[in-house]
């Protein structure tokens, strides 16, 4: 059940995400850069078929980018979901799922084991938060070959393997207003993420333990 009130007014799919939605510090919102969103979106679309469903957990920038790329049919509306605590996204209607990471048990039963691909970027990096996200992932992800892409700090590498069997990839995301560098992790071998981001070449030159090609 949503804790949000749906706003009045028509949805405008063509709005620029970064211009329209200001980061809210109290929610620890830090958006990926435009180039990072484009890169991640491309990767996701190489991994799913038109019939498979995608869940964006605390990743609204990816959700809106995918929405622009995917088919605008009624079927597509049932294949892409945004799970987020920020009610400003409630205008997305049935594609928006109010999600407070502290209460993964409140996710709708209709999404149980339904999603083939999940992209996750929690507002915090601690073990207790990731354990709550893991509960949501276990509930949402299709148990047969479900795929995960997530971002957190490089120092969480062992934790990501322990909880989700995810490994770091070479591509490093750009998050302009975040003071430290994040790492992308997946539970599969990515098609497009084993190269350095141009924005972060100087950072990558220091060396990282990436998933082998």
C-alpha atoms as a PDB file:
ATOM      1  CA  UNK A   1       0.000   0.000   0.000  1.00  0.00           C
ATOM      2  CA  UNK A   2       1.394   3.380  -0.983  1.00  0.00           C
ATOM      3  CA  UNK A   3       2.023   6.068   1.623  1.00  0.00           C
ATOM      4  CA  UNK A   4       1.950   8.709  -1.110  1.00  0.00           C
ATOM      5  CA  UNK A   5      -0.855  10.898  -2.397  1.00  0.00           C
ATOM      6  CA  UNK A   6      -1.007  10.957  -6.193  1.00  0.00           C
ATOM      7  CA  UNK A   7      -0.564  14.523  -7.508  1.00  0.00           C
ATOM      8  CA  UNK A   8      -2.920  16.081 -10.022  1.00  0.00           C
ATOM      9  CA  UNK A   9      -1.786  16.940 -13.522  1.00  0.00           C
ATOM     10  CA  UNK A  10      -0.637  15.136 -16.631  1.00  0.00           C
ATOM     11  CA  UNK A  11       2.656  13.295 -16.749  1.00  0.00           C
ATOM     12  CA  UNK A  12       5.298  14.696 -19.089  1.00  0.00           C
ATOM     13  CA  UNK A  13       7.630  11.945 -20.275  1.00  0.00           C
ATOM     14  CA  UNK A  14       9.964  14.369 -22.023  1.00  0.00           C
ATOM     15  CA  UNK A  15      11.011  16.313 -18.920  1.00  0.00           C
ATOM     16  CA  UNK A  16      14.739  16.376 -18.264  1.00  0.00           C
ATOM     17  CA  UNK A  17      15.321  14.348 -15.115  1.00  0.00           C
ATOM     18  CA  UNK A  18      18.219  16.421 -13.747  1.00  0.00           C
ATOM     19  CA  UNK A  19      16.410  19.708 -14.343  1.00  0.00           C
ATOM     20  CA  UNK A  20      13.085  18.474 -12.991  1.00  0.00           C
ATOM     21  CA  UNK A  21      14.169  16.616  -9.854  1.00  0.00           C
ATOM     22  CA  UNK A  22      16.430  18.261  -7.291  1.00  0.00           C
ATOM     23  CA  UNK A  23      18.395  15.970  -4.996  1.00  0.00           C
ATOM     24  CA  UNK A  24      17.033  15.934  -1.435  1.00  0.00           C
ATOM     25  CA  UNK A  25      19.878  15.820   1.053  1.00  0.00           C
ATOM     26  CA  UNK A  26      17.683  14.468   3.853  1.00  0.00           C
ATOM     27  CA  UNK A  27      16.956  11.405   1.705  1.00  0.00           C
ATOM     28  CA  UNK A  28      20.615  11.011   0.717  1.00  0.00           C
ATOM     29  CA  UNK A  29      19.687  11.476  -2.937  1.00  0.00           C
ATOM     30  CA  UNK A  30      22.678  11.751  -5.261  1.00  0.00           C
ATOM     31  CA  UNK A  31      21.923  11.260  -8.934  1.00  0.00           C
ATOM     32  CA  UNK A  32      24.189   9.494 -11.409  1.00  0.00           C
ATOM     33  CA  UNK A  33      25.577  11.704 -14.171  1.00  0.00           C
ATOM     34  CA  UNK A  34      23.843  11.712 -17.536  1.00  0.00           C
ATOM     35  CA  UNK A  35      26.625   9.673 -19.160  1.00  0.00           C
ATOM     36  CA  UNK A  36      26.532   7.092 -16.357  1.00  0.00           C
ATOM     37  CA  UNK A  37      22.751   6.765 -16.688  1.00  0.00           C
ATOM     38  CA  UNK A  38      23.126   6.238 -20.433  1.00  0.00           C
ATOM     39  CA  UNK A  39      25.784   3.579 -19.888  1.00  0.00           C
ATOM     40  CA  UNK A  40      23.819   1.661 -17.272  1.00  0.00           C
ATOM     41  CA  UNK A  41      20.610   1.890 -19.296  1.00  0.00           C
ATOM     42  CA  UNK A  42      22.371   0.441 -22.323  1.00  0.00           C
ATOM     43  CA  UNK A  43      23.666  -2.451 -20.233  1.00  0.00           C
ATOM     44  CA  UNK A  44      20.244  -3.242 -18.790  1.00  0.00           C
ATOM     45  CA  UNK A  45      18.591  -3.259 -22.201  1.00  0.00           C
ATOM     46  CA  UNK A  46      21.171  -5.758 -23.495  1.00  0.00           C
ATOM     47  CA  UNK A  47      20.224  -8.142 -20.682  1.00  0.00           C
ATOM     48  CA  UNK A  48      16.419  -8.294 -20.851  1.00  0.00           C
ATOM     49  CA  UNK A  49      13.895  -9.284 -23.481  1.00  0.00           C
ATOM     50  CA  UNK A  50      10.765  -7.297 -24.303  1.00  0.00           C
ATOM     51  CA  UNK A  51       8.741  -9.685 -22.147  1.00  0.00           C
ATOM     52  CA  UNK A  52      10.914  -9.448 -19.014  1.00  0.00           C
ATOM     53  CA  UNK A  53      10.272  -7.020 -16.145  1.00  0.00           C
ATOM     54  CA  UNK A  54      12.738  -4.557 -14.605  1.00  0.00           C
ATOM     55  CA  UNK A  55      12.760  -3.055 -11.113  1.00  0.00           C
ATOM     56  CA  UNK A  56      14.594   0.173 -10.250  1.00  0.00           C
ATOM     57  CA  UNK A  57      15.109   0.235  -6.483  1.00  0.00           C
ATOM     58  CA  UNK A  58      16.081   3.718  -5.254  1.00  0.00           C
ATOM     59  CA  UNK A  59      17.315   4.530  -8.772  1.00  0.00           C
ATOM     60  CA  UNK A  60      14.848   7.029 -10.290  1.00  0.00           C
ATOM     61  CA  UNK A  61      17.290   8.383 -12.876  1.00  0.00           C
ATOM     62  CA  UNK A  62      17.642   4.893 -14.360  1.00  0.00           C
ATOM     63  CA  UNK A  63      13.891   4.345 -14.280  1.00  0.00           C
ATOM     64  CA  UNK A  64      13.129   7.476 -16.298  1.00  0.00           C
ATOM     65  CA  UNK A  65      15.911   6.720 -18.789  1.00  0.00           C
ATOM     66  CA  UNK A  66      14.589   3.189 -19.308  1.00  0.00           C
ATOM     67  CA  UNK A  67      11.061   4.481 -19.667  1.00  0.00           C
ATOM     68  CA  UNK A  68      12.122   6.693 -22.567  1.00  0.00           C
ATOM     69  CA  UNK A  69      13.865   3.792 -24.276  1.00  0.00           C
ATOM     70  CA  UNK A  70      11.226   1.133 -23.779  1.00  0.00           C
ATOM     71  CA  UNK A  71       8.060   0.635 -25.756  1.00  0.00           C
ATOM     72  CA  UNK A  72       5.264   2.985 -24.583  1.00  0.00           C
ATOM     73  CA  UNK A  73       2.630   0.247 -24.862  1.00  0.00           C
ATOM     74  CA  UNK A  74       0.386  -0.860 -22.004  1.00  0.00           C
ATOM     75  CA  UNK A  75       2.435  -4.055 -21.773  1.00  0.00           C
ATOM     76  CA  UNK A  76       5.625  -2.055 -21.238  1.00  0.00           C
ATOM     77  CA  UNK A  77       3.974  -0.187 -18.376  1.00  0.00           C
ATOM     78  CA  UNK A  78       3.631  -3.521 -16.599  1.00  0.00           C
ATOM     79  CA  UNK A  79       7.305  -4.372 -17.158  1.00  0.00           C
ATOM     80  CA  UNK A  80       9.080  -1.406 -15.534  1.00  0.00           C
ATOM     81  CA  UNK A  81       8.764  -0.367 -11.893  1.00  0.00           C
ATOM     82  CA  UNK A  82      10.307   2.259  -9.615  1.00  0.00           C
ATOM     83  CA  UNK A  83      10.553   1.425  -5.912  1.00  0.00           C
ATOM     84  CA  UNK A  84      11.322   4.583  -3.953  1.00  0.00           C
ATOM     85  CA  UNK A  85      10.490   6.440  -0.744  1.00  0.00           C
ATOM     86  CA  UNK A  86      10.179   9.830  -2.453  1.00  0.00           C
ATOM     87  CA  UNK A  87       6.518  10.599  -3.124  1.00  0.00           C
ATOM     88  CA  UNK A  88       7.328  13.087  -5.849  1.00  0.00           C
ATOM     89  CA  UNK A  89       7.575  10.070  -8.153  1.00  0.00           C
ATOM     90  CA  UNK A  90       4.035   8.902  -7.323  1.00  0.00           C
ATOM     91  CA  UNK A  91       2.803  10.562 -10.524  1.00  0.00           C
ATOM     92  CA  UNK A  92       4.130   7.435 -12.265  1.00  0.00           C
ATOM     93  CA  UNK A  93       0.964   5.687 -11.110  1.00  0.00           C
ATOM     94  CA  UNK A  94       1.045   1.892 -11.005  1.00  0.00           C
ATOM     95  CA  UNK A  95       4.699   1.863 -12.080  1.00  0.00           C
ATOM     96  CA  UNK A  96       5.634   3.569  -8.796  1.00  0.00           C
ATOM     97  CA  UNK A  97       5.849   1.441  -5.652  1.00  0.00           C
ATOM     98  CA  UNK A  98       6.297   3.257  -2.361  1.00  0.00           C
ATOM     99  CA  UNK A  99       9.331   1.605  -0.786  1.00  0.00           C
ATOM    100  CA  UNK A 100      10.823   2.223   2.652  1.00  0.00           C
ATOM    101  CA  UNK A 101      13.868  -0.022   2.921  1.00  0.00           C
ATOM    102  CA  UNK A 102      13.145  -0.610   6.620  1.00  0.00           C
ATOM    103  CA  UNK A 103       9.945  -2.455   5.713  1.00  0.00           C
ATOM    104  CA  UNK A 104      10.642  -4.806   2.787  1.00  0.00           C
ATOM    105  CA  UNK A 105       7.679  -6.900   3.920  1.00  0.00           C
ATOM    106  CA  UNK A 106       5.376  -4.123   2.659  1.00  0.00           C
ATOM    107  CA  UNK A 107       6.233  -4.693  -0.996  1.00  0.00           C
ATOM    108  CA  UNK A 108       3.168  -5.763  -3.018  1.00  0.00           C
ATOM    109  CA  UNK A 109       2.555  -9.476  -3.424  1.00  0.00           C
ATOM    110  CA  UNK A 110       1.955  -8.950  -7.121  1.00  0.00           C
ATOM    111  CA  UNK A 111       5.696  -8.343  -7.570  1.00  0.00           C
ATOM    112  CA  UNK A 112       6.829 -11.455  -5.698  1.00  0.00           C
ATOM    113  CA  UNK A 113       9.549 -13.173  -7.781  1.00  0.00           C
ATOM    114  CA  UNK A 114       8.303 -11.288 -10.837  1.00  0.00           C
ATOM    115  CA  UNK A 115      11.259  -9.100 -11.830  1.00  0.00           C
ATOM    116  CA  UNK A 116      14.023 -10.422 -14.064  1.00  0.00           C
ATOM    117  CA  UNK A 117      16.430  -7.512 -13.566  1.00  0.00           C
ATOM    118  CA  UNK A 118      17.015  -5.224 -10.570  1.00  0.00           C
ATOM    119  CA  UNK A 119      19.119  -2.046 -10.409  1.00  0.00           C
ATOM    120  CA  UNK A 120      19.789  -0.878  -6.844  1.00  0.00           C
ATOM    121  CA  UNK A 121      21.446   2.175  -5.268  1.00  0.00           C
ATOM    122  CA  UNK A 122      20.633   2.451  -1.533  1.00  0.00           C
ATOM    123  CA  UNK A 123      20.910   5.797   0.285  1.00  0.00           C
ATOM    124  CA  UNK A 124      23.317   4.273   2.816  1.00  0.00           C
ATOM    125  CA  UNK A 125      26.260   1.874   2.607  1.00  0.00           C
ATOM    126  CA  UNK A 126      26.125   0.012   5.938  1.00  0.00           C
ATOM    127  CA  UNK A 127      25.570  -3.718   6.416  1.00  0.00           C
ATOM    128  CA  UNK A 128      22.245  -3.298   8.224  1.00  0.00           C
ATOM    129  CA  UNK A 129      20.820  -1.281   5.326  1.00  0.00           C
ATOM    130  CA  UNK A 130      22.111  -3.735   2.751  1.00  0.00           C
ATOM    131  CA  UNK A 131      20.558  -6.623   4.668  1.00  0.00           C
ATOM    132  CA  UNK A 132      17.175  -4.898   4.369  1.00  0.00           C
ATOM    133  CA  UNK A 133      17.725  -4.345   0.650  1.00  0.00           C
ATOM    134  CA  UNK A 134      18.746  -7.972   0.307  1.00  0.00           C
ATOM    135  CA  UNK A 135      15.342  -8.967   1.761  1.00  0.00           C
ATOM    136  CA  UNK A 136      13.625  -6.820  -0.888  1.00  0.00           C
ATOM    137  CA  UNK A 137      15.799  -8.299  -3.642  1.00  0.00           C
ATOM    138  CA  UNK A 138      15.010 -11.844  -2.496  1.00  0.00           C
ATOM    139  CA  UNK A 139      11.299 -11.010  -2.623  1.00  0.00           C
ATOM    140  CA  UNK A 140      11.265  -9.260  -6.003  1.00  0.00           C
ATOM    141  CA  UNK A 141      13.841 -11.067  -8.119  1.00  0.00           C
ATOM    142  CA  UNK A 142      12.885 -13.974 -10.323  1.00  0.00           C
ATOM    143  CA  UNK A 143      14.642 -17.016  -8.783  1.00  0.00           C
ATOM    144  CA  UNK A 144      15.586 -18.370 -12.205  1.00  0.00           C
ATOM    145  CA  UNK A 145      18.524 -16.421 -13.670  1.00  0.00           C
ATOM    146  CA  UNK A 146      17.469 -13.100 -12.164  1.00  0.00           C
ATOM    147  CA  UNK A 147      20.083 -10.385 -12.705  1.00  0.00           C
ATOM    148  CA  UNK A 148      21.301  -7.671 -10.328  1.00  0.00           C
ATOM    149  CA  UNK A 149      23.232  -4.444 -10.922  1.00  0.00           C
ATOM    150  CA  UNK A 150      24.000  -2.291  -7.887  1.00  0.00           C
ATOM    151  CA  UNK A 151      26.270   0.500  -6.735  1.00  0.00           C
ATOM    152  CA  UNK A 152      28.023   1.071  -3.435  1.00  0.00           C
ATOM    153  CA  UNK A 153      31.550   1.774  -2.214  1.00  0.00           C
ATOM    154  CA  UNK A 154      34.472  -0.401  -3.279  1.00  0.00           C
ATOM    155  CA  UNK A 155      35.130  -1.249   0.369  1.00  0.00           C
ATOM    156  CA  UNK A 156      31.836  -3.178   0.391  1.00  0.00           C
ATOM    157  CA  UNK A 157      33.182  -5.719  -2.086  1.00  0.00           C
ATOM    158  CA  UNK A 158      33.262  -8.611   0.398  1.00  0.00           C
ATOM    159  CA  UNK A 159      29.805  -7.710   1.705  1.00  0.00           C
ATOM    160  CA  UNK A 160      28.288  -7.649  -1.786  1.00  0.00           C
ATOM    161  CA  UNK A 161      29.678 -11.098  -2.479  1.00  0.00           C
ATOM    162  CA  UNK A 162      28.454 -12.437   0.863  1.00  0.00           C
ATOM    163  CA  UNK A 163      24.902 -11.083   0.583  1.00  0.00           C
ATOM    164  CA  UNK A 164      24.222 -11.089  -3.160  1.00  0.00           C
ATOM    165  CA  UNK A 165      27.049 -12.931  -4.939  1.00  0.00           C
ATOM    166  CA  UNK A 166      27.858  -9.733  -6.842  1.00  0.00           C
ATOM    167  CA  UNK A 167      31.327  -8.739  -8.076  1.00  0.00           C
ATOM    168  CA  UNK A 168      32.709  -5.338  -9.106  1.00  0.00           C
ATOM    169  CA  UNK A 169      33.011  -4.437 -12.781  1.00  0.00           C
ATOM    170  CA  UNK A 170      35.547  -2.135 -14.385  1.00  0.00           C
ATOM    171  CA  UNK A 171      33.181   0.713 -15.233  1.00  0.00           C
ATOM    172  CA  UNK A 172      32.983   3.282 -12.423  1.00  0.00           C
ATOM    173  CA  UNK A 173      29.840   5.450 -12.133  1.00  0.00           C
ATOM    174  CA  UNK A 174      29.993   9.217 -11.962  1.00  0.00           C
ATOM    175  CA  UNK A 175      27.876  10.715  -9.154  1.00  0.00           C
ATOM    176  CA  UNK A 176      28.740  14.432  -9.326  1.00  0.00           C
ATOM    177  CA  UNK A 177      27.544  15.544  -5.882  1.00  0.00           C
ATOM    178  CA  UNK A 178      28.803  12.536  -3.928  1.00  0.00           C
ATOM    179  CA  UNK A 179      32.139  13.097  -2.203  1.00  0.00           C
ATOM    180  CA  UNK A 180      33.447   9.542  -2.630  1.00  0.00           C
ATOM    181  CA  UNK A 181      33.652   7.151  -5.533  1.00  0.00           C
ATOM    182  CA  UNK A 182      31.171   4.321  -5.984  1.00  0.00           C
ATOM    183  CA  UNK A 183      31.658   0.981  -7.722  1.00  0.00           C
ATOM    184  CA  UNK A 184      29.211  -0.960  -9.889  1.00  0.00           C
ATOM    185  CA  UNK A 185      28.599  -4.624  -9.022  1.00  0.00           C
ATOM    186  CA  UNK A 186      26.714  -7.337 -10.904  1.00  0.00           C
ATOM    187  CA  UNK A 187      25.833 -10.988 -10.321  1.00  0.00           C
ATOM    188  CA  UNK A 188      26.553 -11.796 -13.981  1.00  0.00           C
ATOM    189  CA  UNK A 189      29.162 -10.960 -16.615  1.00  0.00           C
ATOM    190  CA  UNK A 190      28.108  -7.617 -18.112  1.00  0.00           C
ATOM    191  CA  UNK A 191      28.111  -6.911 -21.825  1.00  0.00           C
ATOM    192  CA  UNK A 192      29.103  -3.230 -21.730  1.00  0.00           C
ATOM    193  CA  UNK A 193      30.611  -2.413 -18.323  1.00  0.00           C
ATOM    194  CA  UNK A 194      34.126  -3.797 -18.557  1.00  0.00           C
ATOM    195  CA  UNK A 195      35.687  -0.558 -19.711  1.00  0.00           C
ATOM    196  CA  UNK A 196      36.651   2.592 -17.834  1.00  0.00           C
ATOM    197  CA  UNK A 197      34.391   5.637 -17.729  1.00  0.00           C
ATOM    198  CA  UNK A 198      36.026   8.555 -19.534  1.00  0.00           C
ATOM    199  CA  UNK A 199      35.024  10.847 -16.662  1.00  0.00           C
ATOM    200  CA  UNK A 200      36.931   8.704 -14.189  1.00  0.00           C
ATOM    201  CA  UNK A 201      40.085   7.593 -15.979  1.00  0.00           C
ATOM    202  CA  UNK A 202      42.348   9.258 -13.435  1.00  0.00           C
ATOM    203  CA  UNK A 203      40.542   7.442 -10.637  1.00  0.00           C
ATOM    204  CA  UNK A 204      40.640   4.085 -12.391  1.00  0.00           C
ATOM    205  CA  UNK A 205      44.354   4.417 -13.110  1.00  0.00           C
ATOM    206  CA  UNK A 206      44.920   3.770  -9.403  1.00  0.00           C
ATOM    207  CA  UNK A 207      43.769   0.184 -10.010  1.00  0.00           C
ATOM    208  CA  UNK A 208      40.699  -1.797  -8.979  1.00  0.00           C
ATOM    209  CA  UNK A 209      39.860  -5.494  -8.570  1.00  0.00           C
ATOM    210  CA  UNK A 210      37.359  -5.801 -11.413  1.00  0.00           C
ATOM    211  CA  UNK A 211      35.386  -8.809 -12.540  1.00  0.00           C
ATOM    212  CA  UNK A 212      37.535 -10.739 -15.037  1.00  0.00           C
ATOM    213  CA  UNK A 213      36.566 -10.426 -18.692  1.00  0.00           C
END
